[in-house]
Amino acid sequence: MTSFEVLISTILSQSTTVANERRGFKDLRSRVRAITPQEIAETPEEEIATAIWHAGLAKQKAPRIVAVARALREARGDRLERILELPTDRARQELMALPGVGPKTADVVLAMAAGHPTFPVDTHIARIARRWNLVRRTDYESIRAALERWTPPGKRKAWHLAIIAHGRTLCKARNPRCSECPVRGDCDWYQRKRTRGQGSRRGSSPRATKD
């Protein structure tokens, strides 16, 4: 995808599933001739909302998408590319100054569209970072900073994608498949869970029965 398409797909991915985001993106592409700042900026919000309905929160996301497209169109359409060529910290600040772009969206675009060494944090990554006892605080910036300290710059994109896959398949929020996990021996959460289970078994005793 183009950098702008990555930006739009990331906005669509907010508070929804991958499948729904992809369907919304596909329907948006079908509705407009091309997903560019010019085309999106000239499309009424109502049409955008209808096209992205499957991605959820369409009435909230459509204005964000149109606003960011207009902000980039007003700079002759190449503003996004110029931003992505800046040093990482400066590029991140510039992206977050755009309408509808928060820290996670900025980090995803930087990593996926331009190869910047950011470590985007989604719900899976935040959950696993806590279970692995890598972070003490739970806000986005604290988790991102901790993971970036923990991971070499050249491996952050790969680790970002790998941990998301791990969270979707094994380390789920509910009913995690710990017995199948290849890293459970190093997982702080699993070790605490196992210790509690062993303590419960030791503390139990057979029920008394009447003669």
N, C-alpha and C. Protein backbone atom coordinates (compact mmCIF):
# COMPACT_ATOMS: atom_id res chain seq x y z
N MET A 1 0.83 -1.19 0.00
CA MET A 1 0.00 0.00 0.00
C MET A 1 0.88 1.25 0.00
N THR A 2 0.29 2.36 -0.46
CA THR A 2 0.98 3.63 -0.36
C THR A 2 0.99 4.09 1.11
N SER A 3 1.80 5.08 1.39
CA SER A 3 1.86 5.58 2.76
C SER A 3 0.50 6.11 3.21
N PHE A 4 -0.20 6.78 2.31
CA PHE A 4 -1.52 7.31 2.66
C PHE A 4 -2.51 6.18 2.90
N GLU A 5 -2.43 5.12 2.12
CA GLU A 5 -3.32 3.97 2.34
C GLU A 5 -3.03 3.31 3.69
N VAL A 6 -1.76 3.23 4.07
CA VAL A 6 -1.42 2.69 5.38
C VAL A 6 -2.04 3.56 6.47
N LEU A 7 -1.98 4.86 6.31
CA LEU A 7 -2.57 5.78 7.28
C LEU A 7 -4.07 5.57 7.39
N ILE A 8 -4.75 5.48 6.26
CA ILE A 8 -6.21 5.31 6.28
C ILE A 8 -6.59 3.96 6.86
N SER A 9 -5.88 2.91 6.50
CA SER A 9 -6.21 1.58 7.02
C SER A 9 -5.98 1.53 8.53
N THR A 10 -4.99 2.26 9.02
CA THR A 10 -4.73 2.28 10.46
C THR A 10 -5.84 3.01 11.20
N ILE A 11 -6.34 4.10 10.63
CA ILE A 11 -7.49 4.78 11.24
C ILE A 11 -8.70 3.86 11.26
N LEU A 12 -8.90 3.12 10.18
CA LEU A 12 -10.02 2.18 10.11
C LEU A 12 -9.88 1.06 11.14
N SER A 13 -8.65 0.69 11.47
CA SER A 13 -8.42 -0.44 12.38
C SER A 13 -8.72 -0.12 13.83
N GLN A 14 -8.94 1.15 14.15
CA GLN A 14 -9.17 1.55 15.53
C GLN A 14 -10.46 0.91 16.06
N SER A 15 -10.36 0.20 17.17
CA SER A 15 -11.51 -0.41 17.86
C SER A 15 -12.29 -1.37 16.98
N THR A 16 -11.60 -2.17 16.19
CA THR A 16 -12.29 -3.17 15.38
C THR A 16 -11.34 -4.33 15.12
N THR A 17 -11.83 -5.36 14.45
CA THR A 17 -11.01 -6.53 14.13
C THR A 17 -10.29 -6.33 12.80
N VAL A 18 -9.28 -7.15 12.56
CA VAL A 18 -8.55 -7.08 11.30
C VAL A 18 -9.48 -7.34 10.13
N ALA A 19 -10.36 -8.33 10.26
CA ALA A 19 -11.27 -8.67 9.17
C ALA A 19 -12.19 -7.51 8.84
N ASN A 20 -12.72 -6.86 9.87
CA ASN A 20 -13.62 -5.73 9.62
C ASN A 20 -12.88 -4.54 9.02
N GLU A 21 -11.65 -4.31 9.48
CA GLU A 21 -10.85 -3.21 8.91
C GLU A 21 -10.59 -3.46 7.44
N ARG A 22 -10.23 -4.68 7.10
CA ARG A 22 -9.93 -4.99 5.70
C ARG A 22 -11.15 -4.86 4.81
N ARG A 23 -12.31 -5.26 5.34
CA ARG A 23 -13.53 -5.14 4.55
C ARG A 23 -13.89 -3.67 4.35
N GLY A 24 -13.73 -2.87 5.41
CA GLY A 24 -14.01 -1.44 5.28
C GLY A 24 -13.07 -0.78 4.29
N PHE A 25 -11.80 -1.16 4.32
CA PHE A 25 -10.82 -0.59 3.40
C PHE A 25 -11.15 -0.98 1.96
N LYS A 26 -11.51 -2.23 1.76
CA LYS A 26 -11.86 -2.71 0.42
C LYS A 26 -13.08 -1.97 -0.12
N ASP A 27 -14.09 -1.79 0.73
CA ASP A 27 -15.30 -1.09 0.29
C ASP A 27 -15.01 0.38 0.02
N LEU A 28 -14.13 0.98 0.79
CA LEU A 28 -13.76 2.37 0.54
C LEU A 28 -13.04 2.50 -0.80
N ARG A 29 -12.16 1.58 -1.07
CA ARG A 29 -11.45 1.60 -2.35
C ARG A 29 -12.41 1.43 -3.52
N SER A 30 -13.45 0.63 -3.32
CA SER A 30 -14.45 0.45 -4.37
C SER A 30 -15.29 1.70 -4.57
N ARG A 31 -15.52 2.44 -3.49
CA ARG A 31 -16.38 3.63 -3.56
C ARG A 31 -15.68 4.81 -4.25
N VAL A 32 -14.40 5.00 -3.96
CA VAL A 32 -13.64 6.10 -4.58
C VAL A 32 -12.73 5.53 -5.66
N ARG A 33 -12.29 6.38 -6.56
CA ARG A 33 -11.46 5.89 -7.66
C ARG A 33 -10.08 5.43 -7.18
N ALA A 34 -9.56 6.13 -6.18
CA ALA A 34 -8.27 5.76 -5.61
C ALA A 34 -8.19 6.37 -4.22
N ILE A 35 -7.55 5.66 -3.31
CA ILE A 35 -7.42 6.18 -1.95
C ILE A 35 -6.21 7.11 -1.91
N THR A 36 -6.48 8.35 -2.27
CA THR A 36 -5.47 9.41 -2.26
C THR A 36 -6.03 10.59 -1.49
N PRO A 37 -5.17 11.50 -1.01
CA PRO A 37 -5.69 12.68 -0.32
C PRO A 37 -6.68 13.46 -1.16
N GLN A 38 -6.42 13.60 -2.44
CA GLN A 38 -7.31 14.36 -3.31
C GLN A 38 -8.68 13.72 -3.41
N GLU A 39 -8.73 12.43 -3.70
CA GLU A 39 -10.02 11.74 -3.87
C GLU A 39 -10.81 11.70 -2.57
N ILE A 40 -10.15 11.38 -1.46
CA ILE A 40 -10.86 11.30 -0.19
C ILE A 40 -11.35 12.68 0.25
N ALA A 41 -10.54 13.70 0.04
CA ALA A 41 -10.92 15.05 0.45
C ALA A 41 -12.14 15.56 -0.29
N GLU A 42 -12.34 15.10 -1.50
CA GLU A 42 -13.46 15.57 -2.32
C GLU A 42 -14.69 14.67 -2.20
N THR A 43 -14.61 13.61 -1.40
CA THR A 43 -15.74 12.71 -1.21
C THR A 43 -16.52 13.12 0.04
N PRO A 44 -17.84 13.26 -0.05
CA PRO A 44 -18.63 13.65 1.13
C PRO A 44 -18.45 12.67 2.28
N GLU A 45 -18.48 13.18 3.50
CA GLU A 45 -18.33 12.32 4.68
C GLU A 45 -19.36 11.21 4.71
N GLU A 46 -20.60 11.52 4.27
CA GLU A 46 -21.66 10.51 4.29
C GLU A 46 -21.29 9.32 3.42
N GLU A 47 -20.68 9.57 2.28
CA GLU A 47 -20.28 8.47 1.39
C GLU A 47 -19.14 7.66 2.02
N ILE A 48 -18.21 8.37 2.64
CA ILE A 48 -17.11 7.66 3.32
C ILE A 48 -17.67 6.77 4.42
N ALA A 49 -18.59 7.32 5.22
CA ALA A 49 -19.18 6.55 6.32
C ALA A 49 -19.90 5.31 5.82
N THR A 50 -20.62 5.45 4.72
CA THR A 50 -21.32 4.30 4.15
C THR A 50 -20.33 3.24 3.68
N ALA A 51 -19.25 3.69 3.06
CA ALA A 51 -18.26 2.75 2.51
C ALA A 51 -17.53 1.98 3.60
N ILE A 52 -17.26 2.64 4.72
CA ILE A 52 -16.44 2.00 5.77
C ILE A 52 -17.29 1.39 6.88
N TRP A 53 -18.57 1.23 6.63
CA TRP A 53 -19.51 0.78 7.67
C TRP A 53 -19.02 -0.48 8.38
N HIS A 54 -18.46 -1.43 7.63
CA HIS A 54 -18.06 -2.70 8.24
C HIS A 54 -16.90 -2.55 9.23
N ALA A 55 -16.16 -1.45 9.13
CA ALA A 55 -15.04 -1.24 10.04
C ALA A 55 -15.49 -0.72 11.40
N GLY A 56 -16.77 -0.38 11.53
CA GLY A 56 -17.29 0.09 12.80
C GLY A 56 -16.99 1.55 13.06
N LEU A 57 -17.81 2.17 13.92
CA LEU A 57 -17.66 3.58 14.30
C LEU A 57 -17.51 4.47 13.07
N ALA A 58 -18.29 4.18 12.04
CA ALA A 58 -18.15 4.89 10.78
C ALA A 58 -18.40 6.39 10.91
N LYS A 59 -19.35 6.78 11.74
CA LYS A 59 -19.66 8.20 11.89
C LYS A 59 -18.54 8.96 12.59
N GLN A 60 -17.73 8.26 13.38
CA GLN A 60 -16.58 8.89 14.01
C GLN A 60 -15.34 8.86 13.10
N LYS A 61 -15.17 7.76 12.39
CA LYS A 61 -13.97 7.60 11.58
C LYS A 61 -14.03 8.40 10.27
N ALA A 62 -15.22 8.51 9.69
CA ALA A 62 -15.34 9.22 8.41
C ALA A 62 -14.86 10.67 8.50
N PRO A 63 -15.28 11.45 9.51
CA PRO A 63 -14.76 12.82 9.62
C PRO A 63 -13.25 12.88 9.80
N ARG A 64 -12.68 11.92 10.54
CA ARG A 64 -11.23 11.89 10.73
C ARG A 64 -10.51 11.64 9.40
N ILE A 65 -11.05 10.70 8.63
CA ILE A 65 -10.43 10.36 7.36
C ILE A 65 -10.48 11.54 6.39
N VAL A 66 -11.62 12.19 6.32
CA VAL A 66 -11.76 13.34 5.42
C VAL A 66 -10.86 14.49 5.90
N ALA A 67 -10.82 14.72 7.21
CA ALA A 67 -10.02 15.83 7.74
C ALA A 67 -8.53 15.62 7.47
N VAL A 68 -8.03 14.40 7.67
CA VAL A 68 -6.61 14.17 7.44
C VAL A 68 -6.29 14.24 5.95
N ALA A 69 -7.22 13.80 5.11
CA ALA A 69 -7.01 13.90 3.65
C ALA A 69 -6.94 15.35 3.22
N ARG A 70 -7.82 16.18 3.76
CA ARG A 70 -7.81 17.60 3.40
C ARG A 70 -6.55 18.28 3.90
N ALA A 71 -6.08 17.91 5.08
CA ALA A 71 -4.86 18.50 5.61
C ALA A 71 -3.66 18.17 4.72
N LEU A 72 -3.64 16.96 4.20
CA LEU A 72 -2.53 16.56 3.34
C LEU A 72 -2.69 17.08 1.92
N ARG A 73 -3.93 17.20 1.43
CA ARG A 73 -4.17 17.74 0.09
C ARG A 73 -3.77 19.20 0.01
N GLU A 74 -4.03 19.94 1.08
CA GLU A 74 -3.72 21.36 1.06
C GLU A 74 -2.23 21.61 0.92
N ALA A 75 -1.43 20.62 1.23
CA ALA A 75 0.03 20.74 1.08
C ALA A 75 0.49 20.07 -0.21
N ARG A 76 -0.38 20.08 -1.23
CA ARG A 76 -0.08 19.54 -2.57
C ARG A 76 0.16 18.03 -2.56
N GLY A 77 -0.37 17.36 -1.56
CA GLY A 77 -0.38 15.90 -1.57
C GLY A 77 0.91 15.21 -1.22
N ASP A 78 2.02 15.94 -1.08
CA ASP A 78 3.28 15.28 -0.79
C ASP A 78 3.72 15.52 0.66
N ARG A 79 2.86 16.12 1.46
CA ARG A 79 3.24 16.42 2.84
C ARG A 79 3.54 15.16 3.63
N LEU A 80 2.75 14.10 3.42
CA LEU A 80 2.97 12.87 4.18
C LEU A 80 4.35 12.29 3.89
N GLU A 81 4.74 12.28 2.64
CA GLU A 81 6.05 11.74 2.29
C GLU A 81 7.17 12.58 2.91
N ARG A 82 6.98 13.89 2.91
CA ARG A 82 7.99 14.75 3.53
C ARG A 82 8.09 14.50 5.03
N ILE A 83 6.95 14.27 5.67
CA ILE A 83 6.95 13.96 7.10
C ILE A 83 7.71 12.67 7.37
N LEU A 84 7.46 11.66 6.56
CA LEU A 84 8.07 10.35 6.79
C LEU A 84 9.57 10.35 6.55
N GLU A 85 10.06 11.37 5.85
CA GLU A 85 11.50 11.47 5.62
C GLU A 85 12.23 12.15 6.77
N LEU A 86 11.48 12.71 7.72
CA LEU A 86 12.09 13.38 8.87
C LEU A 86 12.66 12.36 9.85
N PRO A 87 13.55 12.79 10.77
CA PRO A 87 13.97 11.90 11.86
C PRO A 87 12.76 11.39 12.63
N THR A 88 12.88 10.23 13.22
CA THR A 88 11.72 9.54 13.80
C THR A 88 10.93 10.40 14.78
N ASP A 89 11.59 10.99 15.75
CA ASP A 89 10.87 11.76 16.77
C ASP A 89 10.13 12.94 16.15
N ARG A 90 10.79 13.64 15.23
CA ARG A 90 10.15 14.78 14.57
C ARG A 90 8.99 14.31 13.70
N ALA A 91 9.18 13.23 12.96
CA ALA A 91 8.12 12.70 12.11
C ALA A 91 6.92 12.29 12.94
N ARG A 92 7.18 11.70 14.10
CA ARG A 92 6.09 11.28 14.99
C ARG A 92 5.28 12.49 15.46
N GLN A 93 5.96 13.56 15.83
CA GLN A 93 5.27 14.77 16.26
C GLN A 93 4.43 15.37 15.14
N GLU A 94 4.99 15.38 13.93
CA GLU A 94 4.26 15.93 12.78
C GLU A 94 3.03 15.10 12.45
N LEU A 95 3.15 13.79 12.53
CA LEU A 95 2.00 12.92 12.25
C LEU A 95 0.91 13.13 13.29
N MET A 96 1.30 13.22 14.55
CA MET A 96 0.31 13.38 15.61
C MET A 96 -0.36 14.75 15.59
N ALA A 97 0.20 15.68 14.83
CA ALA A 97 -0.43 16.99 14.67
C ALA A 97 -1.54 16.96 13.62
N LEU A 98 -1.62 15.87 12.85
CA LEU A 98 -2.67 15.73 11.84
C LEU A 98 -3.99 15.34 12.50
N PRO A 99 -5.12 15.71 11.92
CA PRO A 99 -6.42 15.35 12.50
C PRO A 99 -6.60 13.84 12.57
N GLY A 100 -7.06 13.36 13.70
CA GLY A 100 -7.39 11.95 13.85
C GLY A 100 -6.21 11.01 14.01
N VAL A 101 -5.00 11.55 14.16
CA VAL A 101 -3.81 10.70 14.27
C VAL A 101 -3.28 10.76 15.71
N GLY A 102 -3.37 9.63 16.41
CA GLY A 102 -2.85 9.53 17.77
C GLY A 102 -1.53 8.80 17.77
N PRO A 103 -1.00 8.51 18.95
CA PRO A 103 0.31 7.85 19.06
C PRO A 103 0.39 6.51 18.34
N LYS A 104 -0.62 5.66 18.53
CA LYS A 104 -0.56 4.34 17.90
C LYS A 104 -0.60 4.45 16.38
N THR A 105 -1.50 5.27 15.86
CA THR A 105 -1.60 5.44 14.42
C THR A 105 -0.30 5.97 13.85
N ALA A 106 0.28 6.95 14.53
CA ALA A 106 1.55 7.51 14.07
C ALA A 106 2.64 6.45 14.05
N ASP A 107 2.73 5.65 15.10
CA ASP A 107 3.77 4.62 15.18
C ASP A 107 3.60 3.55 14.10
N VAL A 108 2.35 3.16 13.84
CA VAL A 108 2.11 2.16 12.80
C VAL A 108 2.55 2.69 11.44
N VAL A 109 2.16 3.91 11.13
CA VAL A 109 2.53 4.49 9.83
C VAL A 109 4.04 4.62 9.71
N LEU A 110 4.69 5.08 10.77
CA LEU A 110 6.14 5.21 10.73
C LEU A 110 6.83 3.88 10.49
N ALA A 111 6.37 2.84 11.21
CA ALA A 111 7.01 1.53 11.09
C ALA A 111 6.68 0.83 9.79
N MET A 112 5.40 0.82 9.42
CA MET A 112 4.96 0.02 8.29
C MET A 112 5.13 0.71 6.94
N ALA A 113 5.04 2.03 6.93
CA ALA A 113 5.12 2.75 5.66
C ALA A 113 6.50 3.30 5.36
N ALA A 114 7.31 3.50 6.42
CA ALA A 114 8.58 4.16 6.18
C ALA A 114 9.76 3.49 6.87
N GLY A 115 9.53 2.39 7.57
CA GLY A 115 10.64 1.66 8.19
C GLY A 115 11.30 2.34 9.36
N HIS A 116 10.59 3.27 10.02
CA HIS A 116 11.15 3.89 11.22
C HIS A 116 11.16 2.88 12.36
N PRO A 117 12.11 2.96 13.29
CA PRO A 117 12.23 1.97 14.37
C PRO A 117 11.30 2.24 15.54
N THR A 118 10.02 2.41 15.26
CA THR A 118 9.03 2.57 16.33
C THR A 118 8.46 1.21 16.68
N PHE A 119 7.83 1.12 17.85
CA PHE A 119 7.22 -0.13 18.29
C PHE A 119 5.75 0.16 18.62
N PRO A 120 4.86 0.06 17.62
CA PRO A 120 3.44 0.32 17.88
C PRO A 120 2.89 -0.67 18.91
N VAL A 121 1.97 -0.20 19.72
CA VAL A 121 1.40 -1.02 20.79
C VAL A 121 -0.10 -1.14 20.58
N ASP A 122 -0.57 -2.38 20.36
CA ASP A 122 -2.01 -2.61 20.31
C ASP A 122 -2.43 -3.38 21.56
N THR A 123 -3.67 -3.83 21.62
CA THR A 123 -4.17 -4.49 22.83
C THR A 123 -3.43 -5.79 23.10
N HIS A 124 -3.06 -6.53 22.05
CA HIS A 124 -2.34 -7.79 22.25
C HIS A 124 -0.96 -7.53 22.83
N ILE A 125 -0.26 -6.55 22.27
CA ILE A 125 1.08 -6.24 22.74
C ILE A 125 1.06 -5.72 24.17
N ALA A 126 0.09 -4.87 24.47
CA ALA A 126 -0.01 -4.34 25.84
C ALA A 126 -0.27 -5.46 26.84
N ARG A 127 -1.13 -6.40 26.49
CA ARG A 127 -1.44 -7.52 27.38
C ARG A 127 -0.22 -8.39 27.61
N ILE A 128 0.50 -8.72 26.54
CA ILE A 128 1.65 -9.60 26.66
C ILE A 128 2.80 -8.90 27.39
N ALA A 129 2.97 -7.61 27.16
CA ALA A 129 4.01 -6.87 27.87
C ALA A 129 3.77 -6.92 29.38
N ARG A 130 2.50 -6.84 29.78
CA ARG A 130 2.18 -6.94 31.20
C ARG A 130 2.40 -8.37 31.70
N ARG A 131 1.99 -9.35 30.93
CA ARG A 131 2.16 -10.74 31.36
C ARG A 131 3.63 -11.13 31.44
N TRP A 132 4.44 -10.56 30.60
CA TRP A 132 5.88 -10.85 30.64
C TRP A 132 6.60 -9.96 31.63
N ASN A 133 5.86 -9.13 32.34
CA ASN A 133 6.42 -8.26 33.37
C ASN A 133 7.48 -7.31 32.81
N LEU A 134 7.23 -6.82 31.58
CA LEU A 134 8.16 -5.88 30.95
C LEU A 134 7.84 -4.44 31.32
N VAL A 135 6.63 -4.20 31.81
CA VAL A 135 6.21 -2.83 32.13
C VAL A 135 5.51 -2.81 33.48
N ARG A 136 5.60 -1.68 34.15
CA ARG A 136 4.89 -1.48 35.40
C ARG A 136 3.65 -0.60 35.19
N ARG A 137 3.77 0.36 34.29
CA ARG A 137 2.65 1.25 34.00
C ARG A 137 1.90 0.73 32.78
N THR A 138 0.65 1.15 32.62
CA THR A 138 -0.19 0.59 31.57
C THR A 138 -0.57 1.59 30.49
N ASP A 139 -0.05 2.83 30.56
CA ASP A 139 -0.38 3.80 29.51
C ASP A 139 0.45 3.52 28.26
N TYR A 140 -0.04 3.99 27.13
CA TYR A 140 0.56 3.67 25.84
C TYR A 140 2.04 4.05 25.78
N GLU A 141 2.35 5.29 26.14
CA GLU A 141 3.73 5.76 25.98
C GLU A 141 4.71 4.99 26.85
N SER A 142 4.29 4.62 28.05
CA SER A 142 5.18 3.85 28.92
C SER A 142 5.47 2.47 28.34
N ILE A 143 4.44 1.83 27.80
CA ILE A 143 4.63 0.50 27.20
C ILE A 143 5.51 0.60 25.97
N ARG A 144 5.24 1.58 25.11
CA ARG A 144 6.05 1.76 23.90
C ARG A 144 7.51 2.00 24.25
N ALA A 145 7.76 2.88 25.19
CA ALA A 145 9.14 3.20 25.57
C ALA A 145 9.85 1.98 26.13
N ALA A 146 9.15 1.20 26.95
CA ALA A 146 9.76 0.00 27.53
C ALA A 146 10.11 -1.02 26.45
N LEU A 147 9.22 -1.22 25.50
CA LEU A 147 9.47 -2.19 24.44
C LEU A 147 10.59 -1.72 23.51
N GLU A 148 10.68 -0.41 23.30
CA GLU A 148 11.76 0.10 22.45
C GLU A 148 13.11 -0.01 23.15
N ARG A 149 13.12 0.11 24.49
CA ARG A 149 14.37 -0.11 25.21
C ARG A 149 14.77 -1.58 25.17
N TRP A 150 13.78 -2.45 25.15
CA TRP A 150 14.00 -3.90 25.22
C TRP A 150 14.40 -4.49 23.88
N THR A 151 14.00 -3.85 22.78
CA THR A 151 14.17 -4.43 21.45
C THR A 151 15.14 -3.62 20.61
N PRO A 152 16.10 -4.24 19.95
CA PRO A 152 17.00 -3.52 19.04
C PRO A 152 16.20 -2.85 17.92
N PRO A 153 16.58 -1.66 17.48
CA PRO A 153 15.82 -0.93 16.46
C PRO A 153 15.51 -1.75 15.21
N GLY A 154 16.48 -2.53 14.75
CA GLY A 154 16.27 -3.28 13.52
C GLY A 154 15.29 -4.44 13.65
N LYS A 155 14.93 -4.80 14.89
CA LYS A 155 14.04 -5.93 15.09
C LYS A 155 12.64 -5.53 15.57
N ARG A 156 12.40 -4.23 15.74
CA ARG A 156 11.14 -3.80 16.34
C ARG A 156 9.93 -4.13 15.47
N LYS A 157 10.03 -3.92 14.17
CA LYS A 157 8.90 -4.23 13.30
C LYS A 157 8.57 -5.72 13.33
N ALA A 158 9.60 -6.56 13.24
CA ALA A 158 9.39 -8.01 13.26
C ALA A 158 8.79 -8.46 14.59
N TRP A 159 9.32 -7.90 15.70
CA TRP A 159 8.80 -8.28 17.00
C TRP A 159 7.37 -7.77 17.20
N HIS A 160 7.09 -6.61 16.71
CA HIS A 160 5.72 -6.07 16.77
C HIS A 160 4.74 -7.05 16.12
N LEU A 161 5.07 -7.48 14.92
CA LEU A 161 4.18 -8.40 14.19
C LEU A 161 4.13 -9.77 14.86
N ALA A 162 5.27 -10.24 15.38
CA ALA A 162 5.31 -11.56 16.01
C ALA A 162 4.49 -11.59 17.30
N ILE A 163 4.58 -10.53 18.10
CA ILE A 163 3.83 -10.52 19.36
C ILE A 163 2.34 -10.40 19.10
N ILE A 164 1.95 -9.64 18.08
CA ILE A 164 0.52 -9.58 17.73
C ILE A 164 0.02 -10.96 17.34
N ALA A 165 0.78 -11.66 16.51
CA ALA A 165 0.38 -13.02 16.10
C ALA A 165 0.29 -13.94 17.31
N HIS A 166 1.23 -13.81 18.23
CA HIS A 166 1.23 -14.63 19.45
C HIS A 166 -0.02 -14.33 20.28
N GLY A 167 -0.39 -13.06 20.37
CA GLY A 167 -1.57 -12.69 21.15
C GLY A 167 -2.86 -13.16 20.53
N ARG A 168 -2.90 -13.21 19.21
CA ARG A 168 -4.12 -13.64 18.53
C ARG A 168 -4.31 -15.15 18.58
N THR A 169 -3.20 -15.90 18.56
CA THR A 169 -3.31 -17.35 18.45
C THR A 169 -3.19 -18.09 19.78
N LEU A 170 -2.29 -17.63 20.67
CA LEU A 170 -2.02 -18.36 21.90
C LEU A 170 -2.29 -17.53 23.16
N CYS A 171 -1.65 -16.38 23.27
CA CYS A 171 -1.72 -15.60 24.51
C CYS A 171 -2.93 -14.68 24.48
N LYS A 172 -4.11 -15.30 24.44
CA LYS A 172 -5.36 -14.56 24.33
C LYS A 172 -5.75 -13.95 25.67
N ALA A 173 -6.62 -12.94 25.59
CA ALA A 173 -7.07 -12.30 26.82
C ALA A 173 -7.83 -13.29 27.70
N ARG A 174 -8.69 -14.07 27.08
CA ARG A 174 -9.45 -15.09 27.79
C ARG A 174 -9.00 -16.47 27.32
N ASN A 175 -8.89 -17.37 28.26
CA ASN A 175 -8.50 -18.75 27.97
C ASN A 175 -7.21 -18.84 27.14
N PRO A 176 -6.13 -18.25 27.62
CA PRO A 176 -4.85 -18.36 26.89
C PRO A 176 -4.42 -19.82 26.80
N ARG A 177 -3.81 -20.18 25.69
CA ARG A 177 -3.43 -21.58 25.45
C ARG A 177 -1.99 -21.80 25.95
N CYS A 178 -1.83 -21.69 27.26
CA CYS A 178 -0.49 -21.77 27.87
C CYS A 178 0.19 -23.11 27.61
N SER A 179 -0.58 -24.18 27.56
CA SER A 179 0.03 -25.50 27.37
C SER A 179 0.71 -25.61 26.00
N GLU A 180 0.33 -24.77 25.05
CA GLU A 180 0.92 -24.81 23.71
C GLU A 180 1.96 -23.73 23.51
N CYS A 181 2.17 -22.89 24.51
CA CYS A 181 3.03 -21.72 24.36
C CYS A 181 4.50 -22.12 24.41
N PRO A 182 5.30 -21.74 23.41
CA PRO A 182 6.72 -22.11 23.41
C PRO A 182 7.57 -21.29 24.37
N VAL A 183 7.02 -20.22 24.92
CA VAL A 183 7.82 -19.37 25.82
C VAL A 183 7.24 -19.34 27.24
N ARG A 184 6.39 -20.30 27.57
CA ARG A 184 5.76 -20.26 28.89
C ARG A 184 6.79 -20.39 30.02
N GLY A 185 7.92 -21.05 29.75
CA GLY A 185 8.95 -21.18 30.78
C GLY A 185 9.55 -19.85 31.18
N ASP A 186 9.46 -18.86 30.30
CA ASP A 186 10.01 -17.53 30.58
C ASP A 186 8.91 -16.51 30.86
N CYS A 187 7.67 -16.95 30.92
CA CYS A 187 6.54 -16.04 31.09
C CYS A 187 6.24 -15.85 32.58
N ASP A 188 6.39 -14.62 33.05
CA ASP A 188 6.15 -14.34 34.47
C ASP A 188 4.71 -14.64 34.86
N TRP A 189 3.78 -14.28 34.00
CA TRP A 189 2.36 -14.50 34.30
C TRP A 189 2.06 -15.98 34.44
N TYR A 190 2.62 -16.79 33.54
CA TYR A 190 2.39 -18.23 33.59
C TYR A 190 3.00 -18.83 34.84
N GLN A 191 4.20 -18.37 35.21
CA GLN A 191 4.85 -18.89 36.41
C GLN A 191 4.05 -18.56 37.67
N ARG A 192 3.52 -17.34 37.73
CA ARG A 192 2.68 -16.97 38.88
C ARG A 192 1.40 -17.80 38.90
N LYS A 193 0.82 -17.99 37.74
CA LYS A 193 -0.42 -18.77 37.64
C LYS A 193 -0.17 -20.21 38.07
N ARG A 194 0.96 -20.77 37.65
CA ARG A 194 1.27 -22.16 38.02
C ARG A 194 1.54 -22.27 39.51
N THR A 195 2.23 -21.28 40.07
CA THR A 195 2.52 -21.29 41.51
C THR A 195 1.24 -21.23 42.33
N ARG A 196 0.30 -20.37 41.88
CA ARG A 196 -0.98 -20.29 42.59
C ARG A 196 -1.73 -21.60 42.51
N GLY A 197 -1.67 -22.25 41.33
CA GLY A 197 -2.36 -23.54 41.18
C GLY A 197 -1.77 -24.60 42.06
N GLN A 198 -0.44 -24.61 42.19
CA GLN A 198 0.20 -25.60 43.06
C GLN A 198 -0.13 -25.34 44.52
N GLY A 199 -0.19 -24.05 44.90
CA GLY A 199 -0.54 -23.71 46.28
C GLY A 199 -1.94 -24.13 46.63
N SER A 200 -2.85 -24.00 45.66
CA SER A 200 -4.24 -24.39 45.90
C SER A 200 -4.35 -25.89 46.10
N ARG A 201 -3.57 -26.63 45.31
CA ARG A 201 -3.64 -28.08 45.44
C ARG A 201 -3.05 -28.55 46.77
N ARG A 202 -1.96 -27.88 47.20
CA ARG A 202 -1.36 -28.27 48.48
C ARG A 202 -2.29 -27.93 49.65
N GLY A 203 -3.04 -26.86 49.51
CA GLY A 203 -3.90 -26.43 50.61
C GLY A 203 -5.20 -27.19 50.70
N SER A 204 -5.53 -27.96 49.69
CA SER A 204 -6.79 -28.71 49.72
C SER A 204 -6.62 -30.01 50.48
N SER A 205 -7.69 -30.51 51.04
CA SER A 205 -7.64 -31.77 51.77
C SER A 205 -8.92 -32.55 51.47
N PRO A 206 -8.84 -33.87 51.57
CA PRO A 206 -10.03 -34.66 51.29
C PRO A 206 -11.17 -34.29 52.24
N ARG A 207 -12.37 -34.34 51.71
CA ARG A 207 -13.53 -34.07 52.54
C ARG A 207 -13.72 -35.16 53.61
N ALA A 208 -14.09 -34.74 54.80
CA ALA A 208 -14.38 -35.71 55.87
C ALA A 208 -15.67 -36.46 55.53
N THR A 209 -15.68 -37.72 55.84
CA THR A 209 -16.87 -38.54 55.58
C THR A 209 -17.36 -39.15 56.89
N LYS A 210 -18.64 -39.36 56.96
CA LYS A 210 -19.21 -39.98 58.16
C LYS A 210 -18.99 -41.47 58.14
N ASP A 211 -18.76 -42.03 59.33
CA ASP A 211 -18.60 -43.49 59.44
C ASP A 211 -19.94 -44.18 59.19
